[in-house]
Amino acid sequence: MVAVDVPALDALLHDDLMYTHSSGVRDTKQSYIESLTSGRTRYLHCETRDCEVKILGVLSTSNR
């Protein structure tokens, strides 16, 4: 995300991605990658922390 590596993001992100930002803005995979490549969204730093994912039937939730 920091490097805006589109081939890597395309491979890592699911085609059905729905990402809701803390601001409430919602992105699909396509709109998220577009926001990065256009410069509308820019990450200066990214830190990996422990993440817990729970699978609930066909849905999942995450604490991050």
PDB file of N, CA and C in Angstrom:
ATOM      1  N   MET A   1       0.830  -1.180   0.000  1.00  0.00           N
ATOM      2  CA  MET A   1       0.000   0.000   0.000  1.00  0.00           C
ATOM      3  C   MET A   1       0.876   1.246   0.000  1.00  0.00           C
ATOM      4  N   VAL A   2       1.952   1.242   0.771  1.00  0.00           N
ATOM      5  CA  VAL A   2       2.841   2.393   0.808  1.00  0.00           C
ATOM      6  C   VAL A   2       3.506   2.583  -0.554  1.00  0.00           C
ATOM      7  N   ALA A   3       3.943   1.473  -1.167  1.00  0.00           N
ATOM      8  CA  ALA A   3       4.633   1.528  -2.458  1.00  0.00           C
ATOM      9  C   ALA A   3       3.667   1.602  -3.643  1.00  0.00           C
ATOM     10  N   VAL A   4       2.375   1.459  -3.395  1.00  0.00           N
ATOM     11  CA  VAL A   4       1.343   1.418  -4.441  1.00  0.00           C
ATOM     12  C   VAL A   4       1.733   0.367  -5.499  1.00  0.00           C
ATOM     13  N   ASP A   5       2.003  -0.837  -5.013  1.00  0.00           N
ATOM     14  CA  ASP A   5       2.366  -1.962  -5.873  1.00  0.00           C
ATOM     15  C   ASP A   5       1.074  -2.603  -6.379  1.00  0.00           C
ATOM     16  N   VAL A   6       0.582  -2.105  -7.517  1.00  0.00           N
ATOM     17  CA  VAL A   6      -0.719  -2.537  -8.043  1.00  0.00           C
ATOM     18  C   VAL A   6      -0.754  -4.037  -8.339  1.00  0.00           C
ATOM     19  N   PRO A   7       0.267  -4.627  -8.991  1.00  0.00           N
ATOM     20  CA  PRO A   7       0.207  -6.075  -9.216  1.00  0.00           C
ATOM     21  C   PRO A   7       0.109  -6.878  -7.910  1.00  0.00           C
ATOM     22  N   ALA A   8       0.824  -6.448  -6.880  1.00  0.00           N
ATOM     23  CA  ALA A   8       0.763  -7.155  -5.597  1.00  0.00           C
ATOM     24  C   ALA A   8      -0.610  -6.985  -4.959  1.00  0.00           C
ATOM     25  N   LEU A   9      -1.135  -5.764  -4.958  1.00  0.00           N
ATOM     26  CA  LEU A   9      -2.463  -5.534  -4.385  1.00  0.00           C
ATOM     27  C   LEU A   9      -3.533  -6.302  -5.148  1.00  0.00           C
ATOM     28  N   ASP A  10      -3.423  -6.334  -6.473  1.00  0.00           N
ATOM     29  CA  ASP A  10      -4.391  -7.064  -7.284  1.00  0.00           C
ATOM     30  C   ASP A  10      -4.388  -8.548  -6.938  1.00  0.00           C
ATOM     31  N   ALA A  11      -3.202  -9.084  -6.664  1.00  0.00           N
ATOM     32  CA  ALA A  11      -3.092 -10.505  -6.305  1.00  0.00           C
ATOM     33  C   ALA A  11      -3.559 -10.777  -4.875  1.00  0.00           C
ATOM     34  N   LEU A  12      -3.321  -9.842  -3.966  1.00  0.00           N
ATOM     35  CA  LEU A  12      -3.632 -10.055  -2.554  1.00  0.00           C
ATOM     36  C   LEU A  12      -5.082  -9.759  -2.174  1.00  0.00           C
ATOM     37  N   LEU A  13      -5.693  -8.779  -2.820  1.00  0.00           N
ATOM     38  CA  LEU A  13      -7.051  -8.380  -2.457  1.00  0.00           C
ATOM     39  C   LEU A  13      -8.083  -9.220  -3.201  1.00  0.00           C
ATOM     40  N   HIS A  14      -9.088  -9.661  -2.502  1.00  0.00           N
ATOM     41  CA  HIS A  14     -10.161 -10.461  -3.111  1.00  0.00           C
ATOM     42  C   HIS A  14     -10.983  -9.585  -4.054  1.00  0.00           C
ATOM     43  N   ASP A  15     -11.442 -10.167  -5.140  1.00  0.00           N
ATOM     44  CA  ASP A  15     -12.230  -9.417  -6.123  1.00  0.00           C
ATOM     45  C   ASP A  15     -13.513  -8.836  -5.524  1.00  0.00           C
ATOM     46  N   ASP A  16     -14.049  -9.463  -4.489  1.00  0.00           N
ATOM     47  CA  ASP A  16     -15.288  -8.999  -3.855  1.00  0.00           C
ATOM     48  C   ASP A  16     -15.033  -8.127  -2.623  1.00  0.00           C
ATOM     49  N   LEU A  17     -13.815  -7.601  -2.488  1.00  0.00           N
ATOM     50  CA  LEU A  17     -13.465  -6.780  -1.332  1.00  0.00           C
ATOM     51  C   LEU A  17     -14.450  -5.629  -1.145  1.00  0.00           C
ATOM     52  N   MET A  18     -14.876  -5.426   0.094  1.00  0.00           N
ATOM     53  CA  MET A  18     -15.637  -4.247   0.508  1.00  0.00           C
ATOM     54  C   MET A  18     -14.916  -3.715   1.728  1.00  0.00           C
ATOM     55  N   TYR A  19     -14.219  -2.594   1.571  1.00  0.00           N
ATOM     56  CA  TYR A  19     -13.423  -2.018   2.652  1.00  0.00           C
ATOM     57  C   TYR A  19     -14.094  -0.743   3.139  1.00  0.00           C
ATOM     58  N   THR A  20     -14.432  -0.701   4.418  1.00  0.00           N
ATOM     59  CA  THR A  20     -15.028   0.492   5.009  1.00  0.00           C
ATOM     60  C   THR A  20     -13.973   1.184   5.859  1.00  0.00           C
ATOM     61  N   HIS A  21     -13.624   2.391   5.466  1.00  0.00           N
ATOM     62  CA  HIS A  21     -12.621   3.185   6.173  1.00  0.00           C
ATOM     63  C   HIS A  21     -13.217   3.694   7.487  1.00  0.00           C
ATOM     64  N   SER A  22     -12.348   4.137   8.382  1.00  0.00           N
ATOM     65  CA  SER A  22     -12.823   4.669   9.664  1.00  0.00           C
ATOM     66  C   SER A  22     -13.680   5.916   9.468  1.00  0.00           C
ATOM     67  N   SER A  23     -13.557   6.570   8.314  1.00  0.00           N
ATOM     68  CA  SER A  23     -14.381   7.750   8.007  1.00  0.00           C
ATOM     69  C   SER A  23     -15.785   7.376   7.547  1.00  0.00           C
ATOM     70  N   GLY A  24     -16.001   6.071   7.290  1.00  0.00           N
ATOM     71  CA  GLY A  24     -17.291   5.610   6.801  1.00  0.00           C
ATOM     72  C   GLY A  24     -17.335   5.440   5.293  1.00  0.00           C
ATOM     73  N   VAL A  25     -16.311   5.920   4.591  1.00  0.00           N
ATOM     74  CA  VAL A  25     -16.224   5.753   3.137  1.00  0.00           C
ATOM     75  C   VAL A  25     -15.998   4.280   2.828  1.00  0.00           C
ATOM     76  N   ARG A  26     -16.719   3.772   1.839  1.00  0.00           N
ATOM     77  CA  ARG A  26     -16.613   2.354   1.481  1.00  0.00           C
ATOM     78  C   ARG A  26     -15.993   2.224   0.099  1.00  0.00           C
ATOM     79  N   ASP A  27     -15.054   1.295  -0.040  1.00  0.00           N
ATOM     80  CA  ASP A  27     -14.376   1.031  -1.308  1.00  0.00           C
ATOM     81  C   ASP A  27     -14.533  -0.415  -1.725  1.00  0.00           C
ATOM     82  N   THR A  28     -14.583  -0.620  -3.040  1.00  0.00           N
ATOM     83  CA  THR A  28     -14.441  -1.950  -3.622  1.00  0.00           C
ATOM     84  C   THR A  28     -12.955  -2.138  -3.919  1.00  0.00           C
ATOM     85  N   LYS A  29     -12.564  -3.313  -4.352  1.00  0.00           N
ATOM     86  CA  LYS A  29     -11.172  -3.548  -4.733  1.00  0.00           C
ATOM     87  C   LYS A  29     -10.751  -2.541  -5.795  1.00  0.00           C
ATOM     88  N   GLN A  30     -11.571  -2.384  -6.818  1.00  0.00           N
ATOM     89  CA  GLN A  30     -11.253  -1.491  -7.928  1.00  0.00           C
ATOM     90  C   GLN A  30     -11.138  -0.034  -7.472  1.00  0.00           C
ATOM     91  N   SER A  31     -12.103   0.435  -6.674  1.00  0.00           N
ATOM     92  CA  SER A  31     -12.065   1.837  -6.249  1.00  0.00           C
ATOM     93  C   SER A  31     -10.933   2.084  -5.252  1.00  0.00           C
ATOM     94  N   TYR A  32     -10.593   1.079  -4.453  1.00  0.00           N
ATOM     95  CA  TYR A  32      -9.491   1.217  -3.500  1.00  0.00           C
ATOM     96  C   TYR A  32      -8.160   1.349  -4.225  1.00  0.00           C
ATOM     97  N   ILE A  33      -7.918   0.465  -5.186  1.00  0.00           N
ATOM     98  CA  ILE A  33      -6.682   0.541  -5.960  1.00  0.00           C
ATOM     99  C   ILE A  33      -6.624   1.858  -6.729  1.00  0.00           C
ATOM    100  N   GLU A  34      -7.759   2.292  -7.278  1.00  0.00           N
ATOM    101  CA  GLU A  34      -7.810   3.565  -7.993  1.00  0.00           C
ATOM    102  C   GLU A  34      -7.484   4.732  -7.062  1.00  0.00           C
ATOM    103  N   SER A  35      -7.968   4.690  -5.829  1.00  0.00           N
ATOM    104  CA  SER A  35      -7.680   5.781  -4.891  1.00  0.00           C
ATOM    105  C   SER A  35      -6.189   5.844  -4.564  1.00  0.00           C
ATOM    106  N   LEU A  36      -5.525   4.694  -4.555  1.00  0.00           N
ATOM    107  CA  LEU A  36      -4.086   4.662  -4.310  1.00  0.00           C
ATOM    108  C   LEU A  36      -3.302   5.163  -5.520  1.00  0.00           C
ATOM    109  N   THR A  37      -3.662   4.679  -6.708  1.00  0.00           N
ATOM    110  CA  THR A  37      -2.921   5.069  -7.908  1.00  0.00           C
ATOM    111  C   THR A  37      -3.140   6.534  -8.273  1.00  0.00           C
ATOM    112  N   SER A  38      -4.304   7.081  -7.950  1.00  0.00           N
ATOM    113  CA  SER A  38      -4.586   8.488  -8.257  1.00  0.00           C
ATOM    114  C   SER A  38      -3.951   9.436  -7.241  1.00  0.00           C
ATOM    115  N   GLY A  39      -3.531   8.906  -6.089  1.00  0.00           N
ATOM    116  CA  GLY A  39      -2.979   9.740  -5.036  1.00  0.00           C
ATOM    117  C   GLY A  39      -4.019  10.284  -4.081  1.00  0.00           C
ATOM    118  N   ARG A  40      -5.302   9.964  -4.318  1.00  0.00           N
ATOM    119  CA  ARG A  40      -6.373  10.410  -3.424  1.00  0.00           C
ATOM    120  C   ARG A  40      -6.181   9.827  -2.023  1.00  0.00           C
ATOM    121  N   THR A  41      -5.709   8.577  -1.969  1.00  0.00           N
ATOM    122  CA  THR A  41      -5.353   7.934  -0.703  1.00  0.00           C
ATOM    123  C   THR A  41      -3.863   7.673  -0.737  1.00  0.00           C
ATOM    124  N   ARG A  42      -3.180   8.058   0.330  1.00  0.00           N
ATOM    125  CA  ARG A  42      -1.736   7.880   0.373  1.00  0.00           C
ATOM    126  C   ARG A  42      -1.334   7.391   1.752  1.00  0.00           C
ATOM    127  N   TYR A  43      -0.587   6.296   1.780  1.00  0.00           N
ATOM    128  CA  TYR A  43      -0.072   5.755   3.038  1.00  0.00           C
ATOM    129  C   TYR A  43       1.404   6.100   3.149  1.00  0.00           C
ATOM    130  N   LEU A  44       1.788   6.688   4.259  1.00  0.00           N
ATOM    131  CA  LEU A  44       3.191   7.005   4.505  1.00  0.00           C
ATOM    132  C   LEU A  44       3.891   5.883   5.254  1.00  0.00           C
ATOM    133  N   HIS A  45       3.097   5.124   6.010  1.00  0.00           N
ATOM    134  CA  HIS A  45       3.654   4.071   6.868  1.00  0.00           C
ATOM    135  C   HIS A  45       2.572   3.021   7.096  1.00  0.00           C
ATOM    136  N   CYS A  46       2.974   1.785   7.168  1.00  0.00           N
ATOM    137  CA  CYS A  46       2.027   0.710   7.458  1.00  0.00           C
ATOM    138  C   CYS A  46       2.689  -0.243   8.438  1.00  0.00           C
ATOM    139  N   GLU A  47       2.009  -0.517   9.525  1.00  0.00           N
ATOM    140  CA  GLU A  47       2.552  -1.379  10.570  1.00  0.00           C
ATOM    141  C   GLU A  47       1.632  -2.579  10.757  1.00  0.00           C
ATOM    142  N   THR A  48       2.207  -3.762  10.768  1.00  0.00           N
ATOM    143  CA  THR A  48       1.438  -4.979  10.967  1.00  0.00           C
ATOM    144  C   THR A  48       1.324  -5.268  12.459  1.00  0.00           C
ATOM    145  N   ARG A  49       0.110  -5.563  12.888  1.00  0.00           N
ATOM    146  CA  ARG A  49      -0.145  -5.930  14.285  1.00  0.00           C
ATOM    147  C   ARG A  49      -0.927  -7.233  14.298  1.00  0.00           C
ATOM    148  N   ASP A  50      -1.086  -7.783  15.487  1.00  0.00           N
ATOM    149  CA  ASP A  50      -1.899  -8.986  15.614  1.00  0.00           C
ATOM    150  C   ASP A  50      -3.312  -8.695  15.141  1.00  0.00           C
ATOM    151  N   CYS A  51      -3.864  -9.633  14.420  1.00  0.00           N
ATOM    152  CA  CYS A  51      -5.211  -9.461  13.889  1.00  0.00           C
ATOM    153  C   CYS A  51      -6.000 -10.739  14.150  1.00  0.00           C
ATOM    154  N   GLU A  52      -7.212 -10.579  14.605  1.00  0.00           N
ATOM    155  CA  GLU A  52      -8.084 -11.722  14.859  1.00  0.00           C
ATOM    156  C   GLU A  52      -9.251 -11.664  13.877  1.00  0.00           C
ATOM    157  N   VAL A  53      -9.424 -12.733  13.124  1.00  0.00           N
ATOM    158  CA  VAL A  53     -10.519 -12.823  12.162  1.00  0.00           C
ATOM    159  C   VAL A  53     -11.447 -13.942  12.614  1.00  0.00           C
ATOM    160  N   LYS A  54     -12.736 -13.645  12.619  1.00  0.00           N
ATOM    161  CA  LYS A  54     -13.741 -14.656  12.965  1.00  0.00           C
ATOM    162  C   LYS A  54     -14.589 -14.920  11.734  1.00  0.00           C
ATOM    163  N   ILE A  55     -14.749 -16.195  11.396  1.00  0.00           N
ATOM    164  CA  ILE A  55     -15.587 -16.602  10.278  1.00  0.00           C
ATOM    165  C   ILE A  55     -16.972 -16.917  10.828  1.00  0.00           C
ATOM    166  N   LEU A  56     -17.978 -16.260  10.278  1.00  0.00           N
ATOM    167  CA  LEU A  56     -19.364 -16.437  10.714  1.00  0.00           C
ATOM    168  C   LEU A  56     -20.194 -16.866   9.516  1.00  0.00           C
ATOM    169  N   GLY A  57     -20.170 -18.139   9.212  1.00  0.00           N
ATOM    170  CA  GLY A  57     -20.869 -18.628   8.021  1.00  0.00           C
ATOM    171  C   GLY A  57     -20.187 -18.120   6.775  1.00  0.00           C
ATOM    172  N   VAL A  58     -20.868 -17.264   6.023  1.00  0.00           N
ATOM    173  CA  VAL A  58     -20.288 -16.712   4.800  1.00  0.00           C
ATOM    174  C   VAL A  58     -19.678 -15.323   5.032  1.00  0.00           C
ATOM    175  N   LEU A  59     -19.667 -14.839   6.281  1.00  0.00           N
ATOM    176  CA  LEU A  59     -19.141 -13.532   6.633  1.00  0.00           C
ATOM    177  C   LEU A  59     -17.926 -13.679   7.514  1.00  0.00           C
ATOM    178  N   SER A  60     -17.107 -12.644   7.560  1.00  0.00           N
ATOM    179  CA  SER A  60     -15.994 -12.609   8.506  1.00  0.00           C
ATOM    180  C   SER A  60     -15.909 -11.233   9.134  1.00  0.00           C
ATOM    181  N   THR A  61     -15.349 -11.189  10.351  1.00  0.00           N
ATOM    182  CA  THR A  61     -15.124  -9.928  11.028  1.00  0.00           C
ATOM    183  C   THR A  61     -13.662  -9.878  11.448  1.00  0.00           C
ATOM    184  N   SER A  62     -13.150  -8.673  11.639  1.00  0.00           N
ATOM    185  CA  SER A  62     -11.767  -8.496  12.032  1.00  0.00           C
ATOM    186  C   SER A  62     -11.690  -7.423  13.105  1.00  0.00           C
ATOM    187  N   ASN A  63     -10.717  -7.547  13.990  1.00  0.00           N
ATOM    188  CA  ASN A  63     -10.536  -6.531  15.029  1.00  0.00           C
ATOM    189  C   ASN A  63      -9.621  -5.406  14.552  1.00  0.00           C
ATOM    190  N   ARG A  64      -9.204  -5.417  13.328  1.00  0.00           N
ATOM    191  CA  ARG A  64      -8.341  -4.346  12.775  1.00  0.00           C
ATOM    192  C   ARG A  64      -8.936  -3.777  11.534  1.00  0.00           C
TER     193      ARG A  64
END
